Amino acid sequence: MKKLLLISTLLLASTLFAKMQVATTYNYLGEVTKAIGGEEVAVTVLASPKLDPHFIVPKPSLIGKLRREDLLIINGGQLEIGWLPPLLKSAHNSKINAGAKGFLDVSGAVNMINKPQSVTRAFGDIHPDGNPHFATDIHNILPIAKLISLKLSLLDPTHKALFENNYQKFETEIKALIASLEQSSCQGKKVVQYHALFNYAINAEGMQSIGTIEPLPGITPSSKHTLQLIQLMKAEDVKTILQDVYHEKKTAKFIAAKTGAKVSIVPHDVGAVEGSETLEKFYTMVHARLCQ
């Protein structure tokens, strides 16, 4: 009887003090969740920041992780559409399926840009809901963090005050970082990108993207398009090419050699580039490398 009582007590204690198991699709979401949830959450990030966020390999190990999660937080905007659905189907965890209580799509907190007027393959691999790469703009991180705070409070109301306090601290820190970054400006600067990864950050900085190395989203650059882009850059006096970590870099280097432009490697997610392993370092690097 004493053993049964002890086992029951231990099981009750483990239930009461168990951390909420949270999976996020990308690193930046993991960092925000850790900041808001504190010691009350255990966070697993599914995608490596070194890889193309559109095409993460759905490894069997990820299925095992999703089976035990209480909450799944995704970027949304159909950024995960190519790799997440098969994982969820195989995980058989009804708690975190789309529309369930343990599912959160943060794109609803953001005013998405670049929404196509029509969706056909003639325009390349476009996103019908708009550009999903909104995490590169620091101004979007606060509404996302607020949404995560509300979701954590809904799932774990006993720690609502903690989540709210953590959000207030997070908000103060991000606003201070924004103020610090705004002390230097690159307003009016013209750039070229490989893929339209940085449109949100470019808009926030008051910059202008005059073109992409891809002729269309997801389409490999052709010789014709590359030569046209070189002529455009010369005409517009563009001296910066924004390159991400996962697309090929040969074309950007070729264009740079022909135009005298500099190739700037910019992280698309926390940890994508060495030295961007925290939210503060990530946004500081994005600002610096857009403006250099």
Protein backbone atom coordinates (compact mmCIF):
# COMPACT_ATOMS: atom_id res chain seq x y z
CA MET A 1 0.00 0.00 0.00
CA LYS A 2 2.84 2.38 0.90
CA LYS A 3 4.56 1.63 -2.41
CA LEU A 4 1.35 2.34 -4.32
CA LEU A 5 0.90 5.59 -2.43
CA LEU A 6 4.49 6.60 -3.16
CA ILE A 7 4.11 5.79 -6.86
CA SER A 8 0.86 7.76 -7.04
CA THR A 9 2.49 10.72 -5.33
CA LEU A 10 5.46 10.65 -7.70
CA LEU A 11 3.21 10.42 -10.72
CA LEU A 12 1.13 13.35 -9.49
CA ALA A 13 4.25 15.38 -8.80
CA SER A 14 5.69 14.64 -12.24
CA THR A 15 2.41 15.77 -13.81
CA LEU A 16 2.25 18.97 -11.78
CA PHE A 17 5.86 19.96 -12.42
CA ALA A 18 6.27 18.70 -15.99
CA LYS A 19 7.37 21.26 -18.51
CA MET A 20 5.21 22.00 -21.52
CA GLN A 21 6.72 20.26 -24.55
CA VAL A 22 6.87 22.75 -27.43
CA ALA A 23 8.12 22.21 -30.98
CA THR A 24 8.86 25.14 -33.29
CA THR A 25 9.58 24.86 -36.97
CA TYR A 26 12.40 27.43 -37.00
CA ASN A 27 15.07 28.74 -34.65
CA TYR A 28 13.73 32.26 -34.23
CA LEU A 29 10.44 30.84 -32.96
CA GLY A 30 12.34 28.62 -30.56
CA GLU A 31 14.22 31.61 -29.14
CA VAL A 32 11.04 33.62 -28.65
CA THR A 33 9.29 30.66 -27.01
CA LYS A 34 12.19 30.13 -24.60
CA ALA A 35 12.16 33.83 -23.68
CA ILE A 36 8.43 33.83 -22.95
CA GLY A 37 8.06 30.34 -21.49
CA GLY A 38 11.21 30.33 -19.40
CA GLU A 39 11.69 27.22 -17.31
CA GLU A 40 8.10 26.13 -17.87
CA VAL A 41 8.73 25.02 -21.44
CA ALA A 42 11.03 22.53 -23.14
CA VAL A 43 11.60 23.64 -26.73
CA THR A 44 12.53 21.50 -29.73
CA VAL A 45 13.40 23.20 -33.05
CA LEU A 46 12.64 21.07 -36.10
CA ALA A 47 14.56 22.82 -38.90
CA SER A 48 18.25 23.64 -39.11
CA PRO A 49 18.90 27.35 -39.81
CA LYS A 50 21.66 26.30 -42.22
CA LEU A 51 19.15 24.79 -44.65
CA ASP A 52 16.54 26.11 -47.06
CA PRO A 53 13.44 26.72 -44.87
CA HIS A 54 11.18 25.68 -47.76
CA PHE A 55 12.66 22.19 -48.07
CA ILE A 56 13.55 20.57 -44.75
CA VAL A 57 14.11 16.80 -45.03
CA PRO A 58 11.30 15.09 -43.04
CA LYS A 59 13.54 12.75 -41.04
CA PRO A 60 12.03 9.89 -38.96
CA SER A 61 13.64 11.42 -35.86
CA LEU A 62 11.42 14.48 -36.27
CA ILE A 63 8.33 12.26 -36.25
CA GLY A 64 9.34 10.90 -32.85
CA LYS A 65 9.76 14.41 -31.49
CA LEU A 66 6.34 15.54 -32.72
CA ARG A 67 4.60 12.56 -31.10
CA ARG A 68 5.27 13.89 -27.59
CA GLU A 69 4.70 17.62 -28.09
CA ASP A 70 1.96 19.62 -26.38
CA LEU A 71 2.30 22.60 -28.71
CA LEU A 72 3.55 23.15 -32.27
CA ILE A 73 4.43 26.69 -33.35
CA ILE A 74 4.91 27.30 -37.06
CA ASN A 75 5.91 30.31 -39.17
CA GLY A 76 2.98 29.80 -41.52
CA GLY A 77 2.36 31.61 -44.78
CA GLN A 78 2.84 28.15 -46.34
CA LEU A 79 6.59 28.28 -45.69
CA GLU A 80 6.42 24.76 -44.18
CA ILE A 81 3.95 23.38 -46.73
CA GLY A 82 6.59 21.26 -48.48
CA TRP A 83 7.82 19.32 -45.45
CA LEU A 84 5.66 19.63 -42.33
CA PRO A 85 2.36 17.93 -43.36
CA PRO A 86 3.97 14.48 -43.90
CA LEU A 87 5.59 14.69 -40.47
CA LEU A 88 2.32 15.57 -38.74
CA LYS A 89 0.50 12.79 -40.55
CA SER A 90 3.04 10.22 -39.40
CA ALA A 91 3.29 11.57 -35.83
CA HIS A 92 -0.39 10.81 -35.05
CA ASN A 93 -0.51 13.54 -32.40
CA SER A 94 -3.98 15.07 -32.59
CA LYS A 95 -3.02 17.73 -30.03
CA ILE A 96 -0.81 19.60 -32.51
CA ASN A 97 -2.63 19.18 -35.81
CA ALA A 98 -3.70 22.32 -37.68
CA GLY A 99 -6.72 23.83 -35.94
CA ALA A 100 -6.12 21.96 -32.68
CA LYS A 101 -5.59 23.70 -29.34
CA GLY A 102 -1.89 22.81 -29.42
CA PHE A 103 -1.22 24.39 -32.83
CA LEU A 104 -0.12 27.96 -33.48
CA ASP A 105 0.51 29.67 -36.83
CA VAL A 106 2.22 33.01 -36.10
CA SER A 107 1.69 34.46 -39.59
CA GLY A 108 -1.69 35.68 -38.37
CA ALA A 109 0.12 38.28 -36.23
CA VAL A 110 1.90 39.81 -39.23
CA ASN A 111 0.75 42.02 -42.10
CA MET A 112 2.13 39.96 -44.96
CA ILE A 113 3.42 41.66 -48.12
CA ASN A 114 3.98 40.63 -51.74
CA LYS A 115 0.64 38.83 -52.05
CA PRO A 116 0.25 37.64 -55.66
CA GLN A 117 -2.78 38.72 -57.68
CA SER A 118 -2.92 35.26 -59.22
CA VAL A 119 -1.23 31.95 -58.47
CA THR A 120 0.16 29.93 -61.37
CA ARG A 121 3.39 28.04 -62.01
CA ALA A 122 4.19 30.67 -64.66
CA PHE A 123 5.25 32.96 -61.81
CA GLY A 124 7.55 30.39 -60.21
CA ASP A 125 7.29 28.91 -56.72
CA ILE A 126 5.22 31.69 -55.19
CA HIS A 127 3.37 31.77 -51.87
CA PRO A 128 -0.36 32.47 -52.26
CA ASP A 129 -0.64 34.09 -48.81
CA GLY A 130 2.23 36.49 -49.45
CA ASN A 131 5.92 36.59 -48.58
CA PRO A 132 6.44 34.30 -45.53
CA HIS A 133 9.95 35.57 -44.65
CA PHE A 134 8.70 38.19 -42.20
CA ALA A 135 11.05 37.16 -39.38
CA THR A 136 13.89 39.23 -40.89
CA ASP A 137 12.14 42.44 -39.77
CA ILE A 138 12.62 42.98 -36.03
CA HIS A 139 9.35 44.93 -35.82
CA ASN A 140 7.42 41.71 -36.51
CA ILE A 141 8.89 39.83 -33.58
CA LEU A 142 6.85 41.60 -30.88
CA PRO A 143 3.35 40.72 -32.22
CA ILE A 144 4.63 37.18 -32.74
CA ALA A 145 5.93 37.03 -29.16
CA LYS A 146 2.62 38.38 -27.85
CA LEU A 147 0.71 35.68 -29.72
CA ILE A 148 3.01 33.00 -28.29
CA SER A 149 2.50 34.41 -24.80
CA LEU A 150 -1.28 34.20 -25.21
CA LYS A 151 -1.08 30.62 -26.48
CA LEU A 152 1.16 29.48 -23.63
CA SER A 153 -1.23 31.10 -21.14
CA LEU A 154 -4.16 29.31 -22.74
CA LEU A 155 -2.48 25.92 -22.46
CA ASP A 156 -0.98 26.54 -19.02
CA PRO A 157 -3.12 29.13 -17.19
CA THR A 158 -1.38 28.45 -13.86
CA HIS A 159 1.72 30.21 -15.21
CA LYS A 160 -0.10 33.01 -17.05
CA ALA A 161 1.45 35.70 -14.85
CA LEU A 162 4.93 34.35 -15.53
CA PHE A 163 4.37 34.33 -19.30
CA GLU A 164 2.98 37.87 -19.21
CA ASN A 165 5.91 39.13 -17.13
CA ASN A 166 8.39 37.44 -19.44
CA TYR A 167 6.70 39.04 -22.43
CA GLN A 168 6.92 42.50 -20.84
CA LYS A 169 10.64 41.98 -20.25
CA PHE A 170 11.06 40.71 -23.80
CA GLU A 171 9.18 43.71 -25.20
CA THR A 172 11.39 46.13 -23.28
CA GLU A 173 14.56 44.45 -24.58
CA ILE A 174 13.39 44.35 -28.22
CA LYS A 175 12.26 47.99 -28.17
CA ALA A 176 15.66 48.99 -26.77
CA LEU A 177 17.37 47.01 -29.55
CA ILE A 178 15.17 48.66 -32.19
CA ALA A 179 16.08 52.09 -30.84
CA SER A 180 19.77 51.17 -30.92
CA LEU A 181 19.63 49.89 -34.50
CA GLU A 182 17.74 52.97 -35.68
CA GLN A 183 20.67 55.17 -34.69
CA SER A 184 22.30 54.16 -37.98
CA SER A 185 20.36 54.31 -41.24
CA CYS A 186 20.73 53.01 -44.79
CA GLN A 187 17.53 54.59 -46.08
CA GLY A 188 17.42 54.90 -49.84
CA LYS A 189 20.09 52.27 -50.46
CA LYS A 190 19.51 49.98 -53.45
CA VAL A 191 20.28 46.27 -53.30
CA VAL A 192 19.83 43.02 -55.19
CA GLN A 193 18.87 39.74 -53.49
CA TYR A 194 19.21 36.13 -54.56
CA HIS A 195 15.69 35.26 -53.36
CA ALA A 196 13.10 37.66 -51.93
CA LEU A 197 14.12 36.67 -48.40
CA PHE A 198 14.75 40.11 -46.99
CA ASN A 199 11.88 42.23 -48.32
CA TYR A 200 10.45 42.90 -44.86
CA ALA A 201 13.80 44.06 -43.46
CA ILE A 202 14.53 46.06 -46.63
CA ASN A 203 11.19 47.86 -46.32
CA ALA A 204 11.75 48.54 -42.62
CA GLU A 205 15.16 50.06 -43.38
CA GLY A 206 13.71 52.28 -46.10
CA MET A 207 15.84 50.53 -48.73
CA GLN A 208 14.94 49.36 -52.22
CA SER A 209 15.36 45.91 -53.76
CA ILE A 210 15.65 46.42 -57.52
CA GLY A 211 15.80 42.76 -58.47
CA THR A 212 16.61 39.16 -57.62
CA ILE A 213 19.22 36.79 -58.97
CA GLU A 214 16.43 34.24 -59.40
CA PRO A 215 14.39 35.21 -62.48
CA LEU A 216 11.35 33.84 -60.62
CA PRO A 217 11.00 32.38 -57.11
CA GLY A 218 12.58 28.93 -57.00
CA ILE A 219 13.89 29.14 -60.58
CA THR A 220 17.63 28.76 -61.25
CA PRO A 221 19.17 31.93 -62.71
CA SER A 222 19.70 31.84 -66.47
CA SER A 223 22.55 33.49 -68.38
CA LYS A 224 20.13 35.88 -70.02
CA HIS A 225 18.59 37.01 -66.73
CA THR A 226 22.02 37.33 -65.11
CA LEU A 227 23.29 39.62 -67.88
CA GLN A 228 20.12 41.72 -67.69
CA LEU A 229 20.56 42.05 -63.94
CA ILE A 230 24.18 43.16 -64.38
CA GLN A 231 23.09 45.91 -66.76
CA LEU A 232 20.34 47.00 -64.38
CA MET A 233 22.75 47.15 -61.44
CA LYS A 234 25.16 49.27 -63.44
CA ALA A 235 22.39 51.63 -64.49
CA GLU A 236 21.07 51.93 -60.92
CA ASP A 237 24.56 52.00 -59.33
CA VAL A 238 23.80 49.04 -57.03
CA LYS A 239 26.79 48.05 -54.92
CA THR A 240 25.34 45.39 -52.59
CA ILE A 241 24.11 41.86 -53.30
CA LEU A 242 22.28 40.16 -50.43
CA GLN A 243 23.13 36.46 -50.39
CA ASP A 244 21.62 33.83 -48.08
CA VAL A 245 23.47 30.80 -46.76
CA TYR A 246 21.67 28.03 -48.64
CA HIS A 247 21.50 29.15 -52.29
CA GLU A 248 24.50 28.72 -54.58
CA LYS A 249 26.94 31.62 -54.35
CA LYS A 250 28.69 31.33 -57.72
CA THR A 251 26.22 33.56 -59.56
CA ALA A 252 26.38 36.33 -56.94
CA LYS A 253 30.18 36.31 -57.09
CA PHE A 254 30.10 36.51 -60.89
CA ILE A 255 27.70 39.47 -60.82
CA ALA A 256 29.80 41.18 -58.15
CA ALA A 257 32.92 40.83 -60.30
CA LYS A 258 31.14 42.42 -63.26
CA THR A 259 29.56 45.30 -61.33
CA GLY A 260 32.01 46.06 -58.53
CA ALA A 261 29.30 45.19 -55.99
CA LYS A 262 29.92 43.48 -52.65
CA VAL A 263 28.28 40.18 -51.72
CA SER A 264 26.84 40.40 -48.20
CA ILE A 265 25.93 37.10 -46.51
CA VAL A 266 22.78 37.78 -44.48
CA PRO A 267 21.17 35.31 -42.04
CA HIS A 268 17.53 34.41 -42.67
CA ASP A 269 17.11 32.79 -39.24
CA VAL A 270 18.77 32.80 -35.85
CA GLY A 271 22.01 30.84 -36.14
CA ALA A 272 22.11 30.74 -39.95
CA VAL A 273 25.43 32.63 -39.93
CA GLU A 274 28.13 32.35 -37.29
CA GLY A 275 27.62 35.13 -34.79
CA SER A 276 23.81 35.23 -35.13
CA GLU A 277 22.98 32.65 -32.44
CA THR A 278 20.63 34.87 -30.39
CA LEU A 279 17.78 37.15 -31.40
CA GLU A 280 19.83 40.23 -30.49
CA LYS A 281 22.83 39.06 -32.53
CA PHE A 282 20.59 37.99 -35.40
CA TYR A 283 18.82 41.33 -35.81
CA THR A 284 22.02 43.26 -35.25
CA MET A 285 23.69 41.27 -38.02
CA VAL A 286 20.75 41.61 -40.42
CA HIS A 287 20.81 45.39 -39.96
CA ALA A 288 24.59 45.62 -40.29
CA ARG A 289 24.84 43.45 -43.39
CA LEU A 290 21.97 45.14 -45.18
CA CYS A 291 23.53 48.52 -44.53
CA GLN A 292 27.23 47.78 -45.10
